[in-house]
């Protein structure tokens, strides 16, 4: 097998994160159209993520937020987004780099994106060891898995858009994207 010098896996991941960036930019400028709303799962301890210590204690590994009715000040930049949300009646400001995002799902149209966690940066010595080991064995360099788009069929018995709406007086419910995956 040939070595992928172009790194299609990284190019694909960047392109799919660009879709997410574009959708959030449109939502920041024009609001959410129709019944669209977003579930966004991210690694809570990734570099660049800013959440309160209270939320970090509740979600030490990953967190899923819902952007639907009760969010404010959505700001999108090239490498991250910021949003205001209320958790248990307490307003919070979150900063989430696109590289920390593991999943995106819009249940109104059953569209989702899933990302593998970003590989940690390796030192020059580690890179040399990987290249040496690869050339001695199969002549390939390990690559990160590429993200995948998910097409999730709607379940007629449980419409996702009604079961996930917060009840009056409650904060938004945090759910895992696994609940929407086929088993």
Protein backbone atom coordinates (compact mmCIF):
# COMPACT_ATOMS: atom_id res chain seq x y z
CA UNK A 1 0.00 0.00 0.00
CA UNK A 2 1.33 3.43 -0.95
CA UNK A 3 1.93 6.23 1.54
CA UNK A 4 -0.67 8.99 1.38
CA UNK A 5 1.50 12.10 1.07
CA UNK A 6 -1.53 14.27 0.30
CA UNK A 7 -3.32 13.24 3.54
CA UNK A 8 -6.84 12.91 2.18
CA UNK A 9 -8.08 12.06 5.67
CA UNK A 10 -7.08 15.51 6.95
CA UNK A 11 -8.48 17.26 3.87
CA UNK A 12 -11.82 15.47 4.27
CA UNK A 13 -11.99 16.26 7.96
CA UNK A 14 -11.27 19.93 7.30
CA UNK A 15 -13.93 20.08 4.57
CA UNK A 16 -16.56 18.52 6.83
CA UNK A 17 -15.68 20.91 9.66
CA UNK A 18 -16.15 23.65 7.05
CA UNK A 19 -19.75 22.48 6.57
CA UNK A 20 -20.28 22.80 10.31
CA UNK A 21 -18.60 26.23 10.36
CA UNK A 22 -20.85 27.43 7.50
CA UNK A 23 -24.05 26.17 9.15
CA UNK A 24 -23.18 27.85 12.45
CA UNK A 25 -22.19 31.08 10.66
CA UNK A 26 -25.57 31.17 8.89
CA UNK A 27 -27.35 30.50 12.21
CA UNK A 28 -25.39 33.32 13.87
CA UNK A 29 -26.30 35.77 11.09
CA UNK A 30 -29.90 34.77 10.34
CA UNK A 31 -31.08 32.51 13.17
CA UNK A 32 -32.20 28.91 12.81
CA UNK A 33 -34.53 28.44 9.82
CA UNK A 34 -37.69 26.35 10.13
CA UNK A 35 -37.44 23.44 12.53
CA UNK A 36 -33.64 23.14 12.33
CA UNK A 37 -31.77 22.68 15.61
CA UNK A 38 -28.35 21.27 16.40
CA UNK A 39 -26.83 18.76 18.78
CA UNK A 40 -23.09 19.39 19.07
CA UNK A 41 -20.84 16.99 20.98
CA UNK A 42 -17.33 18.08 21.90
CA UNK A 43 -14.42 17.00 24.09
CA UNK A 44 -14.70 19.13 27.21
CA UNK A 45 -10.97 19.08 28.05
CA UNK A 46 -9.61 19.66 24.53
CA UNK A 47 -7.20 22.53 23.92
CA UNK A 48 -9.06 25.81 23.50
CA UNK A 49 -12.36 24.68 25.06
CA UNK A 50 -13.60 27.17 27.64
CA UNK A 51 -16.36 26.01 29.98
CA UNK A 52 -16.96 26.70 33.67
CA UNK A 53 -15.46 24.43 36.32
CA UNK A 54 -19.02 23.49 37.32
CA UNK A 55 -19.75 22.15 33.82
CA UNK A 56 -16.34 20.50 33.58
CA UNK A 57 -17.07 18.63 36.82
CA UNK A 58 -20.38 17.41 35.34
CA UNK A 59 -18.92 16.56 31.91
CA UNK A 60 -15.25 15.66 32.46
CA UNK A 61 -14.74 13.98 29.05
CA UNK A 62 -17.34 15.16 26.57
CA UNK A 63 -20.43 17.31 26.47
CA UNK A 64 -23.38 17.68 24.12
CA UNK A 65 -25.16 20.99 23.74
CA UNK A 66 -28.38 21.76 21.92
CA UNK A 67 -28.77 24.95 19.93
CA UNK A 68 -32.49 25.42 19.46
CA UNK A 69 -34.58 28.03 21.26
CA UNK A 70 -32.54 29.18 24.25
CA UNK A 71 -29.10 30.30 23.17
CA UNK A 72 -27.63 33.75 22.56
CA UNK A 73 -24.61 35.59 21.19
CA UNK A 74 -23.52 32.85 18.79
CA UNK A 75 -20.19 33.97 17.33
CA UNK A 76 -18.28 31.93 14.75
CA UNK A 77 -14.63 32.41 13.77
CA UNK A 78 -12.34 30.40 11.52
CA UNK A 79 -11.26 28.02 14.28
CA UNK A 80 -13.98 28.09 16.98
CA UNK A 81 -17.47 29.18 17.99
CA UNK A 82 -18.76 30.87 21.12
CA UNK A 83 -22.29 30.67 22.45
CA UNK A 84 -24.31 31.58 25.51
CA UNK A 85 -26.48 28.84 27.03
CA UNK A 86 -28.31 28.30 30.29
CA UNK A 87 -27.56 25.19 32.38
CA UNK A 88 -29.94 24.64 35.28
CA UNK A 89 -30.95 28.29 35.11
CA UNK A 90 -27.34 29.51 35.25
CA UNK A 91 -26.13 31.37 32.15
CA UNK A 92 -22.79 30.19 30.78
CA UNK A 93 -20.52 31.26 27.91
CA UNK A 94 -18.85 28.38 26.05
CA UNK A 95 -15.94 28.55 23.62
CA UNK A 96 -15.52 25.43 21.47
CA UNK A 97 -12.79 24.99 18.84
CA UNK A 98 -13.93 23.09 15.75
CA UNK A 99 -11.07 20.65 16.35
CA UNK A 100 -12.70 19.58 19.66
CA UNK A 101 -16.02 18.64 18.05
CA UNK A 102 -16.82 14.93 17.89
CA UNK A 103 -20.33 15.08 16.46
CA UNK A 104 -22.97 17.30 14.91
CA UNK A 105 -26.60 16.30 14.37
CA UNK A 106 -29.65 18.15 13.03
CA UNK A 107 -32.63 15.91 13.88
CA UNK A 108 -35.06 18.03 11.84
CA UNK A 109 -33.54 16.65 8.63
CA UNK A 110 -31.77 13.59 10.05
CA UNK A 111 -28.31 14.86 9.08
CA UNK A 112 -25.19 14.25 11.12
CA UNK A 113 -21.42 14.44 10.99
CA UNK A 114 -19.12 12.39 13.16
CA UNK A 115 -15.47 13.25 13.73
CA UNK A 116 -12.71 11.15 15.21
CA UNK A 117 -10.78 12.89 17.99
CA UNK A 118 -7.89 14.91 16.59
CA UNK A 119 -4.56 13.15 16.91
CA UNK A 120 -2.16 14.72 19.37
CA UNK A 121 0.77 16.54 17.91
CA UNK A 122 3.91 14.44 17.84
CA UNK A 123 7.44 15.62 18.41
CA UNK A 124 10.06 15.44 15.68
CA UNK A 125 11.62 12.38 17.40
CA UNK A 126 8.26 10.57 17.48
CA UNK A 127 7.67 11.41 13.82
CA UNK A 128 11.08 10.00 12.91
CA UNK A 129 10.36 6.82 14.89
CA UNK A 130 6.98 6.41 13.16
CA UNK A 131 8.51 6.93 9.71
CA UNK A 132 11.40 4.54 10.45
CA UNK A 133 9.09 1.87 11.84
CA UNK A 134 6.69 2.29 8.92
CA UNK A 135 9.42 2.01 6.31
CA UNK A 136 10.75 -1.13 7.99
CA UNK A 137 7.33 -2.81 8.05
CA UNK A 138 4.65 -1.91 5.54
CA UNK A 139 6.02 1.34 4.09
CA UNK A 140 2.94 3.27 5.28
CA UNK A 141 2.45 5.99 7.87
CA UNK A 142 -0.51 5.53 10.22
CA UNK A 143 -3.33 7.92 9.44
CA UNK A 144 -6.19 9.20 11.51
CA UNK A 145 -9.61 7.86 10.59
CA UNK A 146 -11.59 10.30 8.50
CA UNK A 147 -14.93 11.70 9.69
CA UNK A 148 -18.15 10.24 8.41
CA UNK A 149 -21.51 11.68 7.54
CA UNK A 150 -24.47 9.98 9.15
CA UNK A 151 -27.88 9.50 7.64
CA UNK A 152 -30.21 8.64 10.47
CA UNK A 153 -33.74 7.50 9.61
CA UNK A 154 -36.58 9.11 11.52
CA UNK A 155 -38.31 6.90 14.04
CA UNK A 156 -42.09 7.22 13.65
CA UNK A 157 -42.67 6.06 17.23
CA UNK A 158 -40.46 8.74 18.82
CA UNK A 159 -40.01 11.99 16.92
CA UNK A 160 -36.64 13.42 18.01
CA UNK A 161 -37.71 17.03 17.82
CA UNK A 162 -40.41 16.70 20.48
CA UNK A 163 -38.66 14.47 22.98
CA UNK A 164 -35.63 16.75 23.26
CA UNK A 165 -37.37 20.07 23.80
CA UNK A 166 -36.83 21.44 27.30
CA UNK A 167 -39.92 21.73 29.46
CA UNK A 168 -40.87 25.23 30.63
CA UNK A 169 -38.74 26.27 33.58
CA UNK A 170 -35.99 23.73 32.86
CA UNK A 171 -32.63 24.16 31.21
CA UNK A 172 -31.80 22.41 27.96
CA UNK A 173 -31.32 18.65 28.22
CA UNK A 174 -27.88 17.32 27.32
CA UNK A 175 -28.06 14.09 25.36
CA UNK A 176 -25.52 11.85 23.67
CA UNK A 177 -25.59 11.37 19.93
CA UNK A 178 -25.36 7.62 20.55
CA UNK A 179 -29.09 7.67 21.24
CA UNK A 180 -29.71 8.38 17.53
CA UNK A 181 -27.37 5.74 16.14
CA UNK A 182 -28.59 2.38 14.87
CA UNK A 183 -27.59 -0.43 17.16
